[in-house]
Amino acid sequence: MREVKVATAPVGGSSRRQRGVVFLILLSLGLFFHRLGSLSLFDGDEPAFAEATREMLLSGDWITPHFNFEPRFDKPDPVLLADGSGL
């Protein structure tokens, strides 16, 4: 019978590769967690815009936006109409 020889990778190359993989994993984790949570997911004014849209829906007045049932003109009406069309 003939003996079959299996080629193996050099011993020094595998530890170098492992160091490279560990470095990439640590770099990826560092970049992922850097400044995580420093930015909010929502703008601070979004609840006010949602309330203005809700009040437009309740009152039936789709022309004049209201916040706390007082006229509010600092947000363009078409944006609030687009919000209201999803309701």
N, C-alpha and C. Protein backbone atom coordinates (compact mmCIF):
# COMPACT_ATOMS: atom_id res chain seq x y z
N MET A 1 0.83 -1.19 0.00
CA MET A 1 0.00 0.00 0.00
C MET A 1 0.86 1.23 0.00
N ARG A 2 0.32 2.23 -0.61
CA ARG A 2 1.07 3.49 -0.67
C ARG A 2 0.64 4.39 0.47
N GLU A 3 1.56 5.10 0.99
CA GLU A 3 1.29 6.03 2.09
C GLU A 3 0.91 7.39 1.51
N VAL A 4 -0.19 7.97 2.01
CA VAL A 4 -0.68 9.27 1.53
C VAL A 4 -0.18 10.34 2.48
N LYS A 5 0.44 11.37 1.91
CA LYS A 5 0.93 12.47 2.73
C LYS A 5 -0.02 13.66 2.60
N VAL A 6 -0.35 14.25 3.71
CA VAL A 6 -1.26 15.40 3.74
C VAL A 6 -0.43 16.65 3.95
N ALA A 7 -0.66 17.65 3.11
CA ALA A 7 0.06 18.91 3.25
C ALA A 7 -0.53 19.72 4.39
N THR A 8 0.31 20.24 5.24
CA THR A 8 -0.15 21.07 6.36
C THR A 8 0.45 22.46 6.23
N ALA A 9 -0.24 23.42 6.83
CA ALA A 9 0.24 24.81 6.81
C ALA A 9 1.43 24.94 7.74
N PRO A 10 2.33 25.84 7.44
CA PRO A 10 3.47 26.06 8.33
C PRO A 10 2.99 26.48 9.71
N VAL A 11 3.70 26.08 10.72
CA VAL A 11 3.30 26.34 12.11
C VAL A 11 3.30 27.83 12.41
N GLY A 12 4.28 28.57 11.93
CA GLY A 12 4.37 29.99 12.25
C GLY A 12 3.27 30.82 11.62
N GLY A 13 2.71 30.39 10.48
CA GLY A 13 1.68 31.16 9.78
C GLY A 13 0.35 31.15 10.49
N SER A 14 0.04 30.06 11.18
CA SER A 14 -1.28 29.98 11.81
C SER A 14 -1.39 30.93 13.00
N SER A 15 -0.31 31.08 13.78
CA SER A 15 -0.40 32.00 14.91
C SER A 15 -0.46 33.44 14.41
N ARG A 16 0.19 33.72 13.30
CA ARG A 16 0.12 35.07 12.73
C ARG A 16 -1.29 35.37 12.23
N ARG A 17 -1.91 34.35 11.64
CA ARG A 17 -3.28 34.53 11.18
C ARG A 17 -4.24 34.73 12.35
N GLN A 18 -4.03 33.97 13.42
CA GLN A 18 -4.89 34.12 14.60
C GLN A 18 -4.75 35.51 15.20
N ARG A 19 -3.54 36.03 15.23
CA ARG A 19 -3.35 37.40 15.74
C ARG A 19 -4.07 38.41 14.87
N GLY A 20 -4.05 38.18 13.56
CA GLY A 20 -4.75 39.07 12.64
C GLY A 20 -6.26 39.03 12.85
N VAL A 21 -6.79 37.83 13.06
CA VAL A 21 -8.23 37.68 13.31
C VAL A 21 -8.61 38.34 14.62
N VAL A 22 -7.83 38.12 15.66
CA VAL A 22 -8.10 38.74 16.96
C VAL A 22 -8.04 40.26 16.84
N PHE A 23 -7.06 40.77 16.10
CA PHE A 23 -6.94 42.22 15.90
C PHE A 23 -8.17 42.77 15.19
N LEU A 24 -8.64 42.08 14.14
CA LEU A 24 -9.82 42.55 13.41
C LEU A 24 -11.07 42.52 14.28
N ILE A 25 -11.19 41.50 15.11
CA ILE A 25 -12.35 41.42 16.00
C ILE A 25 -12.32 42.55 17.02
N LEU A 26 -11.16 42.79 17.61
CA LEU A 26 -11.05 43.89 18.59
C LEU A 26 -11.27 45.25 17.94
N LEU A 27 -10.75 45.43 16.74
CA LEU A 27 -10.96 46.68 16.01
C LEU A 27 -12.45 46.87 15.70
N SER A 28 -13.11 45.81 15.25
CA SER A 28 -14.54 45.89 14.94
C SER A 28 -15.36 46.22 16.18
N LEU A 29 -15.05 45.58 17.29
CA LEU A 29 -15.79 45.86 18.52
C LEU A 29 -15.54 47.29 18.99
N GLY A 30 -14.30 47.73 18.89
CA GLY A 30 -13.98 49.11 19.29
C GLY A 30 -14.72 50.14 18.45
N LEU A 31 -14.76 49.92 17.14
CA LEU A 31 -15.48 50.86 16.26
C LEU A 31 -16.98 50.79 16.47
N PHE A 32 -17.49 49.61 16.79
CA PHE A 32 -18.93 49.47 17.02
C PHE A 32 -19.36 50.20 18.29
N PHE A 33 -18.61 50.04 19.36
CA PHE A 33 -19.02 50.61 20.64
C PHE A 33 -18.56 52.05 20.84
N HIS A 34 -17.72 52.58 19.95
CA HIS A 34 -17.27 53.96 20.07
C HIS A 34 -18.46 54.90 19.87
N ARG A 35 -18.72 55.75 20.83
CA ARG A 35 -19.81 56.73 20.80
C ARG A 35 -21.20 56.11 20.69
N LEU A 36 -21.32 54.87 21.05
CA LEU A 36 -22.62 54.21 21.03
C LEU A 36 -23.50 54.84 22.10
N GLY A 37 -24.65 55.33 21.72
CA GLY A 37 -25.56 55.98 22.65
C GLY A 37 -25.35 57.46 22.80
N SER A 38 -24.39 58.03 22.08
CA SER A 38 -24.16 59.47 22.23
C SER A 38 -25.18 60.28 21.44
N LEU A 39 -25.77 59.70 20.40
CA LEU A 39 -26.80 60.38 19.62
C LEU A 39 -28.15 59.75 19.92
N SER A 40 -29.16 60.58 20.01
CA SER A 40 -30.48 60.03 20.28
C SER A 40 -31.09 59.50 18.99
N LEU A 41 -32.02 58.60 19.12
CA LEU A 41 -32.68 58.04 17.95
C LEU A 41 -33.73 58.98 17.39
N PHE A 42 -34.25 59.86 18.22
CA PHE A 42 -35.31 60.75 17.80
C PHE A 42 -34.94 62.19 18.12
N ASP A 43 -35.38 63.08 17.27
CA ASP A 43 -35.20 64.49 17.50
C ASP A 43 -36.11 64.90 18.66
N GLY A 44 -35.72 65.90 19.42
CA GLY A 44 -36.50 66.34 20.56
C GLY A 44 -37.84 66.95 20.20
N ASP A 45 -37.99 67.40 18.94
CA ASP A 45 -39.24 68.03 18.52
C ASP A 45 -40.26 67.05 17.94
N GLU A 46 -39.87 65.82 17.73
CA GLU A 46 -40.78 64.88 17.10
C GLU A 46 -42.07 64.64 17.88
N PRO A 47 -42.03 64.57 19.22
CA PRO A 47 -43.32 64.43 19.93
C PRO A 47 -44.25 65.63 19.70
N ALA A 48 -43.69 66.82 19.59
CA ALA A 48 -44.51 68.01 19.31
C ALA A 48 -45.14 67.92 17.92
N PHE A 49 -44.36 67.43 16.95
CA PHE A 49 -44.91 67.28 15.59
C PHE A 49 -46.01 66.23 15.57
N ALA A 50 -45.81 65.14 16.30
CA ALA A 50 -46.82 64.09 16.36
C ALA A 50 -48.09 64.61 17.04
N GLU A 51 -47.92 65.42 18.07
CA GLU A 51 -49.10 65.98 18.76
C GLU A 51 -49.84 66.95 17.84
N ALA A 52 -49.11 67.75 17.08
CA ALA A 52 -49.75 68.67 16.13
C ALA A 52 -50.53 67.88 15.08
N THR A 53 -49.96 66.80 14.61
CA THR A 53 -50.66 65.96 13.64
C THR A 53 -51.90 65.33 14.27
N ARG A 54 -51.78 64.87 15.51
CA ARG A 54 -52.94 64.27 16.19
C ARG A 54 -54.06 65.28 16.38
N GLU A 55 -53.69 66.51 16.73
CA GLU A 55 -54.71 67.54 16.93
C GLU A 55 -55.35 67.95 15.60
N MET A 56 -54.57 67.90 14.52
CA MET A 56 -55.17 68.16 13.20
C MET A 56 -56.19 67.08 12.87
N LEU A 57 -55.88 65.85 13.22
CA LEU A 57 -56.79 64.74 12.97
C LEU A 57 -58.05 64.87 13.83
N LEU A 58 -57.89 65.25 15.11
CA LEU A 58 -59.04 65.38 16.00
C LEU A 58 -59.95 66.54 15.59
N SER A 59 -59.35 67.67 15.25
CA SER A 59 -60.16 68.85 14.94
C SER A 59 -60.74 68.83 13.53
N GLY A 60 -60.10 68.08 12.65
CA GLY A 60 -60.55 68.07 11.26
C GLY A 60 -60.02 69.25 10.47
N ASP A 61 -59.29 70.15 11.09
CA ASP A 61 -58.71 71.31 10.43
C ASP A 61 -57.32 70.92 9.93
N TRP A 62 -57.22 70.61 8.63
CA TRP A 62 -55.97 70.16 8.03
C TRP A 62 -55.16 71.33 7.47
N ILE A 63 -55.62 72.55 7.69
CA ILE A 63 -54.92 73.74 7.18
C ILE A 63 -54.05 74.38 8.25
N THR A 64 -54.60 74.53 9.46
CA THR A 64 -53.88 75.21 10.53
C THR A 64 -53.38 74.20 11.55
N PRO A 65 -52.06 74.04 11.67
CA PRO A 65 -51.56 73.11 12.69
C PRO A 65 -51.69 73.72 14.09
N HIS A 66 -51.98 72.87 15.06
CA HIS A 66 -52.13 73.30 16.45
C HIS A 66 -51.26 72.42 17.34
N PHE A 67 -50.74 73.03 18.41
CA PHE A 67 -50.05 72.29 19.46
C PHE A 67 -50.61 72.78 20.78
N ASN A 68 -51.09 71.86 21.60
CA ASN A 68 -51.83 72.20 22.82
C ASN A 68 -53.01 73.11 22.50
N PHE A 69 -53.63 72.83 21.38
CA PHE A 69 -54.82 73.53 20.87
C PHE A 69 -54.58 75.02 20.69
N GLU A 70 -53.33 75.40 20.40
CA GLU A 70 -52.98 76.77 20.02
C GLU A 70 -52.28 76.70 18.68
N PRO A 71 -52.51 77.69 17.81
CA PRO A 71 -51.89 77.65 16.47
C PRO A 71 -50.36 77.54 16.56
N ARG A 72 -49.81 76.74 15.69
CA ARG A 72 -48.35 76.52 15.67
C ARG A 72 -47.91 76.53 14.21
N PHE A 73 -47.08 77.51 13.86
CA PHE A 73 -46.71 77.68 12.46
C PHE A 73 -45.21 77.49 12.21
N ASP A 74 -44.48 76.88 13.12
CA ASP A 74 -43.04 76.72 12.90
C ASP A 74 -42.69 75.45 12.13
N LYS A 75 -43.64 74.60 11.85
CA LYS A 75 -43.41 73.40 11.05
C LYS A 75 -44.25 73.51 9.78
N PRO A 76 -43.67 73.24 8.61
CA PRO A 76 -44.46 73.34 7.37
C PRO A 76 -45.66 72.39 7.38
N ASP A 77 -46.77 72.90 6.94
CA ASP A 77 -48.01 72.13 6.93
C ASP A 77 -47.93 70.87 6.07
N PRO A 78 -47.25 70.88 4.91
CA PRO A 78 -47.20 69.63 4.12
C PRO A 78 -46.52 68.48 4.86
N VAL A 79 -45.57 68.78 5.72
CA VAL A 79 -44.93 67.71 6.48
C VAL A 79 -45.94 67.10 7.46
N LEU A 80 -46.72 67.95 8.10
CA LEU A 80 -47.73 67.44 9.03
C LEU A 80 -48.83 66.68 8.26
N LEU A 81 -49.14 67.13 7.07
CA LEU A 81 -50.13 66.41 6.25
C LEU A 81 -49.60 65.03 5.88
N ALA A 82 -48.31 64.95 5.57
CA ALA A 82 -47.72 63.65 5.26
C ALA A 82 -47.75 62.75 6.49
N ASP A 83 -47.49 63.31 7.66
CA ASP A 83 -47.59 62.52 8.90
C ASP A 83 -49.01 62.04 9.11
N GLY A 84 -49.96 62.92 8.88
CA GLY A 84 -51.37 62.59 9.08
C GLY A 84 -51.90 61.59 8.07
N SER A 85 -51.31 61.54 6.90
CA SER A 85 -51.81 60.60 5.89
C SER A 85 -51.50 59.15 6.28
N GLY A 86 -50.55 58.97 7.16
CA GLY A 86 -50.22 57.62 7.64
C GLY A 86 -51.16 57.15 8.72
N LEU A 87 -51.97 58.04 9.27
CA LEU A 87 -52.89 57.63 10.34
C LEU A 87 -54.11 57.09 9.73
